[in-house]
């Protein structure tokens, strides 16, 4: 099986879906990544890698929720038509 652009699209879509369904209270807070566990940095201080990843996850859940619905439907229809 060849590595194609479609496979890369599907892998990215699956990873974004995984990030969007993570629940803060059940999963992220257990490993210290919940909204209560994220530290607020002072002005001029660079945030830690953990804080940057939490911010990335939170922004993906906020911004990409509606477009992901469209891309998931598009992928399902494409797979149904072309197999």
PDB file of N, CA and C in Angstrom:
ATOM      1  N   UNK A   1       0.842  -1.172   0.000  1.00  0.00           N
ATOM      2  CA  UNK A   1       0.000   0.000   0.000  1.00  0.00           C
ATOM      3  C   UNK A   1       0.890   1.238   0.000  1.00  0.00           C
ATOM      4  N   UNK A   2       0.654   2.131  -0.914  1.00  0.00           N
ATOM      5  CA  UNK A   2       1.474   3.326  -1.062  1.00  0.00           C
ATOM      6  C   UNK A   2       1.017   4.418  -0.102  1.00  0.00           C
ATOM      7  N   UNK A   3       1.953   5.259   0.243  1.00  0.00           N
ATOM      8  CA  UNK A   3       1.661   6.409   1.087  1.00  0.00           C
ATOM      9  C   UNK A   3       1.248   7.558   0.186  1.00  0.00           C
ATOM     10  N   UNK A   4      -0.018   7.967   0.275  1.00  0.00           N
ATOM     11  CA  UNK A   4      -0.538   8.993  -0.615  1.00  0.00           C
ATOM     12  C   UNK A   4      -0.970  10.209   0.186  1.00  0.00           C
ATOM     13  N   UNK A   5      -1.346  11.240  -0.543  1.00  0.00           N
ATOM     14  CA  UNK A   5      -1.842  12.452   0.097  1.00  0.00           C
ATOM     15  C   UNK A   5      -3.161  12.175   0.830  1.00  0.00           C
ATOM     16  N   UNK A   6      -3.965  11.282   0.294  1.00  0.00           N
ATOM     17  CA  UNK A   6      -5.227  10.923   0.948  1.00  0.00           C
ATOM     18  C   UNK A   6      -4.964  10.246   2.288  1.00  0.00           C
ATOM     19  N   UNK A   7      -3.961   9.380   2.355  1.00  0.00           N
ATOM     20  CA  UNK A   7      -3.620   8.732   3.622  1.00  0.00           C
ATOM     21  C   UNK A   7      -3.151   9.749   4.653  1.00  0.00           C
ATOM     22  N   UNK A   8      -2.396  10.743   4.202  1.00  0.00           N
ATOM     23  CA  UNK A   8      -1.950  11.800   5.102  1.00  0.00           C
ATOM     24  C   UNK A   8      -3.135  12.616   5.610  1.00  0.00           C
ATOM     25  N   UNK A   9      -4.093  12.904   4.724  1.00  0.00           N
ATOM     26  CA  UNK A   9      -5.313  13.612   5.119  1.00  0.00           C
ATOM     27  C   UNK A   9      -6.100  12.818   6.156  1.00  0.00           C
ATOM     28  N   UNK A  10      -6.258  11.511   5.935  1.00  0.00           N
ATOM     29  CA  UNK A  10      -6.994  10.677   6.881  1.00  0.00           C
ATOM     30  C   UNK A  10      -6.298  10.603   8.237  1.00  0.00           C
ATOM     31  N   UNK A  11      -4.984  10.482   8.236  1.00  0.00           N
ATOM     32  CA  UNK A  11      -4.239  10.418   9.493  1.00  0.00           C
ATOM     33  C   UNK A  11      -4.371  11.728  10.272  1.00  0.00           C
ATOM     34  N   UNK A  12      -4.301  12.848   9.573  1.00  0.00           N
ATOM     35  CA  UNK A  12      -4.467  14.144  10.224  1.00  0.00           C
ATOM     36  C   UNK A  12      -5.878  14.295  10.765  1.00  0.00           C
ATOM     37  N   UNK A  13      -6.856  13.867  10.001  1.00  0.00           N
ATOM     38  CA  UNK A  13      -8.248  13.941  10.442  1.00  0.00           C
ATOM     39  C   UNK A  13      -8.476  13.092  11.692  1.00  0.00           C
ATOM     40  N   UNK A  14      -7.912  11.904  11.723  1.00  0.00           N
ATOM     41  CA  UNK A  14      -8.061  11.052  12.898  1.00  0.00           C
ATOM     42  C   UNK A  14      -7.394  11.651  14.126  1.00  0.00           C
ATOM     43  N   UNK A  15      -6.233  12.253  13.957  1.00  0.00           N
ATOM     44  CA  UNK A  15      -5.547  12.882  15.100  1.00  0.00           C
ATOM     45  C   UNK A  15      -6.325  14.092  15.609  1.00  0.00           C
ATOM     46  N   UNK A  16      -6.871  14.898  14.713  1.00  0.00           N
ATOM     47  CA  UNK A  16      -7.682  16.042  15.141  1.00  0.00           C
ATOM     48  C   UNK A  16      -8.958  15.583  15.837  1.00  0.00           C
ATOM     49  N   UNK A  17      -9.558  14.500  15.350  1.00  0.00           N
ATOM     50  CA  UNK A  17     -10.730  13.942  16.026  1.00  0.00           C
ATOM     51  C   UNK A  17     -10.376  13.480  17.429  1.00  0.00           C
ATOM     52  N   UNK A  18      -9.219  12.859  17.573  1.00  0.00           N
ATOM     53  CA  UNK A  18      -8.786  12.382  18.890  1.00  0.00           C
ATOM     54  C   UNK A  18      -8.586  13.537  19.857  1.00  0.00           C
ATOM     55  N   UNK A  19      -8.013  14.632  19.389  1.00  0.00           N
ATOM     56  CA  UNK A  19      -7.803  15.796  20.255  1.00  0.00           C
ATOM     57  C   UNK A  19      -9.142  16.411  20.643  1.00  0.00           C
ATOM     58  N   UNK A  20     -10.087  16.443  19.716  1.00  0.00           N
ATOM     59  CA  UNK A  20     -11.371  17.091  19.985  1.00  0.00           C
ATOM     60  C   UNK A  20     -12.243  16.318  20.974  1.00  0.00           C
ATOM     61  N   UNK A  21     -12.066  15.011  21.073  1.00  0.00           N
ATOM     62  CA  UNK A  21     -12.935  14.263  21.976  1.00  0.00           C
ATOM     63  C   UNK A  21     -12.345  14.082  23.366  1.00  0.00           C
ATOM     64  N   UNK A  22     -11.113  14.579  23.592  1.00  0.00           N
ATOM     65  CA  UNK A  22     -10.540  14.471  24.931  1.00  0.00           C
ATOM     66  C   UNK A  22     -11.370  15.294  25.913  1.00  0.00           C
ATOM     67  N   UNK A  23     -11.716  14.696  27.013  1.00  0.00           N
ATOM     68  CA  UNK A  23     -12.510  15.357  28.027  1.00  0.00           C
ATOM     69  C   UNK A  23     -11.590  15.898  29.120  1.00  0.00           C
ATOM     70  N   UNK A  24     -11.729  17.190  29.437  1.00  0.00           N
ATOM     71  CA  UNK A  24     -10.844  17.792  30.425  1.00  0.00           C
ATOM     72  C   UNK A  24     -11.014  17.173  31.808  1.00  0.00           C
ATOM     73  N   UNK A  25     -12.240  16.976  32.230  1.00  0.00           N
ATOM     74  CA  UNK A  25     -12.475  16.487  33.587  1.00  0.00           C
ATOM     75  C   UNK A  25     -12.070  15.024  33.753  1.00  0.00           C
ATOM     76  N   UNK A  26     -12.332  14.214  32.748  1.00  0.00           N
ATOM     77  CA  UNK A  26     -12.079  12.775  32.894  1.00  0.00           C
ATOM     78  C   UNK A  26     -10.654  12.373  32.576  1.00  0.00           C
ATOM     79  N   UNK A  27     -10.063  12.954  31.536  1.00  0.00           N
ATOM     80  CA  UNK A  27      -8.762  12.484  31.086  1.00  0.00           C
ATOM     81  C   UNK A  27      -7.646  13.486  31.371  1.00  0.00           C
ATOM     82  N   UNK A  28      -7.827  14.705  30.919  1.00  0.00           N
ATOM     83  CA  UNK A  28      -6.735  15.669  30.994  1.00  0.00           C
ATOM     84  C   UNK A  28      -6.404  16.088  32.424  1.00  0.00           C
ATOM     85  N   UNK A  29      -7.396  16.196  33.288  1.00  0.00           N
ATOM     86  CA  UNK A  29      -7.101  16.608  34.661  1.00  0.00           C
ATOM     87  C   UNK A  29      -6.364  15.515  35.434  1.00  0.00           C
ATOM     88  N   UNK A  30      -6.534  14.256  35.042  1.00  0.00           N
ATOM     89  CA  UNK A  30      -5.830  13.165  35.719  1.00  0.00           C
ATOM     90  C   UNK A  30      -4.333  13.207  35.472  1.00  0.00           C
ATOM     91  N   UNK A  31      -3.925  13.736  34.321  1.00  0.00           N
ATOM     92  CA  UNK A  31      -2.499  13.831  34.041  1.00  0.00           C
ATOM     93  C   UNK A  31      -1.977  15.248  34.270  1.00  0.00           C
ATOM     94  N   UNK A  32      -2.793  16.107  34.868  1.00  0.00           N
ATOM     95  CA  UNK A  32      -2.364  17.452  35.209  1.00  0.00           C
ATOM     96  C   UNK A  32      -2.471  18.458  34.087  1.00  0.00           C
ATOM     97  N   UNK A  33      -3.274  18.181  33.073  1.00  0.00           N
ATOM     98  CA  UNK A  33      -3.412  19.094  31.947  1.00  0.00           C
ATOM     99  C   UNK A  33      -4.778  19.766  31.920  1.00  0.00           C
ATOM    100  N   UNK A  34      -5.523  19.713  32.984  1.00  0.00           N
ATOM    101  CA  UNK A  34      -6.835  20.346  33.009  1.00  0.00           C
ATOM    102  C   UNK A  34      -6.714  21.850  33.066  1.00  0.00           C
ATOM    103  N   UNK A  35      -7.836  22.530  32.928  1.00  0.00           N
ATOM    104  CA  UNK A  35      -7.816  23.989  32.940  1.00  0.00           C
ATOM    105  C   UNK A  35      -7.399  24.522  34.304  1.00  0.00           C
ATOM    106  N   UNK A  36      -7.668  23.782  35.358  1.00  0.00           N
ATOM    107  CA  UNK A  36      -7.254  24.211  36.689  1.00  0.00           C
ATOM    108  C   UNK A  36      -5.771  23.966  36.919  1.00  0.00           C
ATOM    109  N   UNK A  37      -5.193  23.020  36.185  1.00  0.00           N
ATOM    110  CA  UNK A  37      -3.790  22.693  36.366  1.00  0.00           C
ATOM    111  C   UNK A  37      -2.844  23.525  35.515  1.00  0.00           C
ATOM    112  N   UNK A  38      -3.382  24.285  34.569  1.00  0.00           N
ATOM    113  CA  UNK A  38      -2.500  25.077  33.714  1.00  0.00           C
ATOM    114  C   UNK A  38      -2.124  26.359  34.434  1.00  0.00           C
ATOM    115  N   UNK A  39      -0.847  26.621  34.502  1.00  0.00           N
ATOM    116  CA  UNK A  39      -0.347  27.803  35.193  1.00  0.00           C
ATOM    117  C   UNK A  39      -0.429  29.011  34.284  1.00  0.00           C
ATOM    118  N   UNK A  40      -0.709  30.157  34.892  1.00  0.00           N
ATOM    119  CA  UNK A  40      -0.705  31.407  34.153  1.00  0.00           C
ATOM    120  C   UNK A  40       0.688  31.992  34.282  1.00  0.00           C
ATOM    121  N   UNK A  41       1.317  32.237  33.153  1.00  0.00           N
ATOM    122  CA  UNK A  41       2.682  32.761  33.142  1.00  0.00           C
ATOM    123  C   UNK A  41       2.650  34.268  33.274  1.00  0.00           C
ATOM    124  N   UNK A  42       3.713  34.828  33.831  1.00  0.00           N
ATOM    125  CA  UNK A  42       3.838  36.268  33.923  1.00  0.00           C
ATOM    126  C   UNK A  42       4.254  36.868  32.597  1.00  0.00           C
ATOM    127  N   UNK A  43       4.228  38.166  32.531  1.00  0.00           N
ATOM    128  CA  UNK A  43       4.589  38.856  31.297  1.00  0.00           C
ATOM    129  C   UNK A  43       6.083  38.678  31.036  1.00  0.00           C
ATOM    130  N   UNK A  44       6.425  38.266  29.835  1.00  0.00           N
ATOM    131  CA  UNK A  44       7.812  38.088  29.460  1.00  0.00           C
ATOM    132  C   UNK A  44       8.361  36.695  29.721  1.00  0.00           C
ATOM    133  N   UNK A  45       7.646  35.883  30.468  1.00  0.00           N
ATOM    134  CA  UNK A  45       8.089  34.514  30.732  1.00  0.00           C
ATOM    135  C   UNK A  45       7.589  33.605  29.619  1.00  0.00           C
ATOM    136  N   UNK A  46       8.439  32.713  29.187  1.00  0.00           N
ATOM    137  CA  UNK A  46       8.007  31.780  28.143  1.00  0.00           C
ATOM    138  C   UNK A  46       7.259  30.617  28.796  1.00  0.00           C
ATOM    139  N   UNK A  47       6.107  30.248  28.233  1.00  0.00           N
ATOM    140  CA  UNK A  47       5.342  29.140  28.811  1.00  0.00           C
ATOM    141  C   UNK A  47       6.054  27.807  28.601  1.00  0.00           C
ATOM    142  N   UNK A  48       5.772  26.876  29.486  1.00  0.00           N
ATOM    143  CA  UNK A  48       6.399  25.560  29.383  1.00  0.00           C
ATOM    144  C   UNK A  48       5.788  24.780  28.221  1.00  0.00           C
ATOM    145  N   UNK A  49       6.435  23.686  27.878  1.00  0.00           N
ATOM    146  CA  UNK A  49       5.938  22.849  26.779  1.00  0.00           C
ATOM    147  C   UNK A  49       4.566  22.267  27.123  1.00  0.00           C
ATOM    148  N   UNK A  50       4.368  21.931  28.382  1.00  0.00           N
ATOM    149  CA  UNK A  50       3.085  21.381  28.830  1.00  0.00           C
ATOM    150  C   UNK A  50       1.971  22.416  28.654  1.00  0.00           C
ATOM    151  N   UNK A  51       2.256  23.658  29.004  1.00  0.00           N
ATOM    152  CA  UNK A  51       1.259  24.718  28.857  1.00  0.00           C
ATOM    153  C   UNK A  51       0.977  24.995  27.385  1.00  0.00           C
ATOM    154  N   UNK A  52       2.000  24.950  26.551  1.00  0.00           N
ATOM    155  CA  UNK A  52       1.799  25.163  25.125  1.00  0.00           C
ATOM    156  C   UNK A  52       0.968  24.051  24.504  1.00  0.00           C
ATOM    157  N   UNK A  53       1.200  22.793  24.911  1.00  0.00           N
ATOM    158  CA  UNK A  53       0.391  21.684  24.390  1.00  0.00           C
ATOM    159  C   UNK A  53      -1.060  21.798  24.848  1.00  0.00           C
ATOM    160  N   UNK A  54      -1.267  22.186  26.119  1.00  0.00           N
ATOM    161  CA  UNK A  54      -2.636  22.367  26.606  1.00  0.00           C
ATOM    162  C   UNK A  54      -3.338  23.459  25.811  1.00  0.00           C
ATOM    163  N   UNK A  55      -2.636  24.561  25.543  1.00  0.00           N
ATOM    164  CA  UNK A  55      -3.218  25.652  24.772  1.00  0.00           C
ATOM    165  C   UNK A  55      -3.533  25.206  23.353  1.00  0.00           C
ATOM    166  N   UNK A  56      -2.639  24.409  22.751  1.00  0.00           N
ATOM    167  CA  UNK A  56      -2.886  23.876  21.414  1.00  0.00           C
ATOM    168  C   UNK A  56      -4.120  22.983  21.403  1.00  0.00           C
ATOM    169  N   UNK A  57      -4.239  22.065  22.366  1.00  0.00           N
ATOM    170  CA  UNK A  57      -5.404  21.186  22.438  1.00  0.00           C
ATOM    171  C   UNK A  57      -6.685  21.994  22.618  1.00  0.00           C
ATOM    172  N   UNK A  58      -6.640  22.983  23.497  1.00  0.00           N
ATOM    173  CA  UNK A  58      -7.831  23.785  23.763  1.00  0.00           C
ATOM    174  C   UNK A  58      -8.245  24.586  22.523  1.00  0.00           C
ATOM    175  N   UNK A  59      -7.279  25.144  21.822  1.00  0.00           N
ATOM    176  CA  UNK A  59      -7.624  25.920  20.627  1.00  0.00           C
ATOM    177  C   UNK A  59      -8.130  25.022  19.493  1.00  0.00           C
ATOM    178  N   UNK A  60      -7.586  23.809  19.370  1.00  0.00           N
ATOM    179  CA  UNK A  60      -8.093  22.882  18.360  1.00  0.00           C
ATOM    180  C   UNK A  60      -9.534  22.507  18.672  1.00  0.00           C
ATOM    181  N   UNK A  61      -9.826  22.249  19.946  1.00  0.00           N
ATOM    182  CA  UNK A  61     -11.206  21.916  20.315  1.00  0.00           C
ATOM    183  C   UNK A  61     -12.144  23.074  20.065  1.00  0.00           C
ATOM    184  N   UNK A  62     -11.675  24.300  20.240  1.00  0.00           N
ATOM    185  CA  UNK A  62     -12.528  25.469  20.056  1.00  0.00           C
ATOM    186  C   UNK A  62     -12.750  25.791  18.585  1.00  0.00           C
ATOM    187  N   UNK A  63     -11.687  25.828  17.814  1.00  0.00           N
ATOM    188  CA  UNK A  63     -11.757  26.320  16.437  1.00  0.00           C
ATOM    189  C   UNK A  63     -12.149  25.233  15.444  1.00  0.00           C
ATOM    190  N   UNK A  64     -11.668  24.023  15.617  1.00  0.00           N
ATOM    191  CA  UNK A  64     -11.805  23.004  14.584  1.00  0.00           C
ATOM    192  C   UNK A  64     -13.039  22.121  14.728  1.00  0.00           C
ATOM    193  N   UNK A  65     -13.884  22.386  15.667  1.00  0.00           N
ATOM    194  CA  UNK A  65     -15.036  21.502  15.883  1.00  0.00           C
ATOM    195  C   UNK A  65     -15.986  21.470  14.685  1.00  0.00           C
ATOM    196  N   UNK A  66     -16.406  22.619  14.182  1.00  0.00           N
ATOM    197  CA  UNK A  66     -17.354  22.681  13.063  1.00  0.00           C
ATOM    198  C   UNK A  66     -16.711  22.225  11.749  1.00  0.00           C
ATOM    199  N   UNK A  67     -15.495  22.680  11.406  1.00  0.00           N
ATOM    200  CA  UNK A  67     -14.887  22.165  10.171  1.00  0.00           C
ATOM    201  C   UNK A  67     -14.643  20.653  10.202  1.00  0.00           C
ATOM    202  N   UNK A  68     -14.371  20.101  11.385  1.00  0.00           N
ATOM    203  CA  UNK A  68     -14.154  18.656  11.470  1.00  0.00           C
ATOM    204  C   UNK A  68     -15.411  17.876  11.123  1.00  0.00           C
ATOM    205  N   UNK A  69     -16.560  18.398  11.464  1.00  0.00           N
ATOM    206  CA  UNK A  69     -17.814  17.731  11.100  1.00  0.00           C
ATOM    207  C   UNK A  69     -17.919  17.638   9.581  1.00  0.00           C
ATOM    208  N   UNK A  70     -17.629  18.752   8.905  1.00  0.00           N
ATOM    209  CA  UNK A  70     -17.676  18.768   7.444  1.00  0.00           C
ATOM    210  C   UNK A  70     -16.664  17.789   6.847  1.00  0.00           C
ATOM    211  N   UNK A  71     -15.432  17.802   7.340  1.00  0.00           N
ATOM    212  CA  UNK A  71     -14.399  16.919   6.783  1.00  0.00           C
ATOM    213  C   UNK A  71     -14.682  15.454   7.073  1.00  0.00           C
ATOM    214  N   UNK A  72     -15.276  15.149   8.223  1.00  0.00           N
ATOM    215  CA  UNK A  72     -15.648  13.770   8.525  1.00  0.00           C
ATOM    216  C   UNK A  72     -16.744  13.281   7.580  1.00  0.00           C
ATOM    217  N   UNK A  73     -17.745  14.115   7.337  1.00  0.00           N
ATOM    218  CA  UNK A  73     -18.821  13.741   6.408  1.00  0.00           C
ATOM    219  C   UNK A  73     -18.257  13.564   5.010  1.00  0.00           C
ATOM    220  N   UNK A  74     -17.380  14.471   4.591  1.00  0.00           N
ATOM    221  CA  UNK A  74     -16.754  14.363   3.280  1.00  0.00           C
ATOM    222  C   UNK A  74     -15.956  13.074   3.140  1.00  0.00           C
ATOM    223  N   UNK A  75     -15.221  12.706   4.162  1.00  0.00           N
ATOM    224  CA  UNK A  75     -14.424  11.472   4.135  1.00  0.00           C
ATOM    225  C   UNK A  75     -15.318  10.244   4.086  1.00  0.00           C
ATOM    226  N   UNK A  76     -16.397  10.239   4.855  1.00  0.00           N
ATOM    227  CA  UNK A  76     -17.311   9.096   4.866  1.00  0.00           C
ATOM    228  C   UNK A  76     -17.976   8.929   3.499  1.00  0.00           C
ATOM    229  N   UNK A  77     -18.425  10.034   2.924  1.00  0.00           N
ATOM    230  CA  UNK A  77     -19.066   9.960   1.603  1.00  0.00           C
ATOM    231  C   UNK A  77     -18.065   9.490   0.557  1.00  0.00           C
ATOM    232  N   UNK A  78     -16.856  10.006   0.601  1.00  0.00           N
ATOM    233  CA  UNK A  78     -15.821   9.607  -0.340  1.00  0.00           C
ATOM    234  C   UNK A  78     -15.513   8.114  -0.227  1.00  0.00           C
ATOM    235  N   UNK A  79     -15.415   7.617   1.019  1.00  0.00           N
ATOM    236  CA  UNK A  79     -15.141   6.181   1.228  1.00  0.00           C
ATOM    237  C   UNK A  79     -16.314   5.320   0.762  1.00  0.00           C
ATOM    238  N   UNK A  80     -17.547   5.789   0.960  1.00  0.00           N
ATOM    239  CA  UNK A  80     -18.709   5.020   0.509  1.00  0.00           C
ATOM    240  C   UNK A  80     -18.788   4.942  -1.007  1.00  0.00           C
ATOM    241  N   UNK A  81     -18.444   6.045  -1.664  1.00  0.00           N
ATOM    242  CA  UNK A  81     -18.530   6.061  -3.124  1.00  0.00           C
ATOM    243  C   UNK A  81     -17.392   5.262  -3.770  1.00  0.00           C
ATOM    244  N   UNK A  82     -16.162   5.508  -3.323  1.00  0.00           N
ATOM    245  CA  UNK A  82     -15.013   4.893  -3.976  1.00  0.00           C
ATOM    246  C   UNK A  82     -14.499   3.630  -3.282  1.00  0.00           C
ATOM    247  N   UNK A  83     -15.010   3.348  -2.120  1.00  0.00           N
ATOM    248  CA  UNK A  83     -14.621   2.125  -1.439  1.00  0.00           C
ATOM    249  C   UNK A  83     -13.354   2.287  -0.748  1.00  0.00           C
TER     250      UNK A  83
END
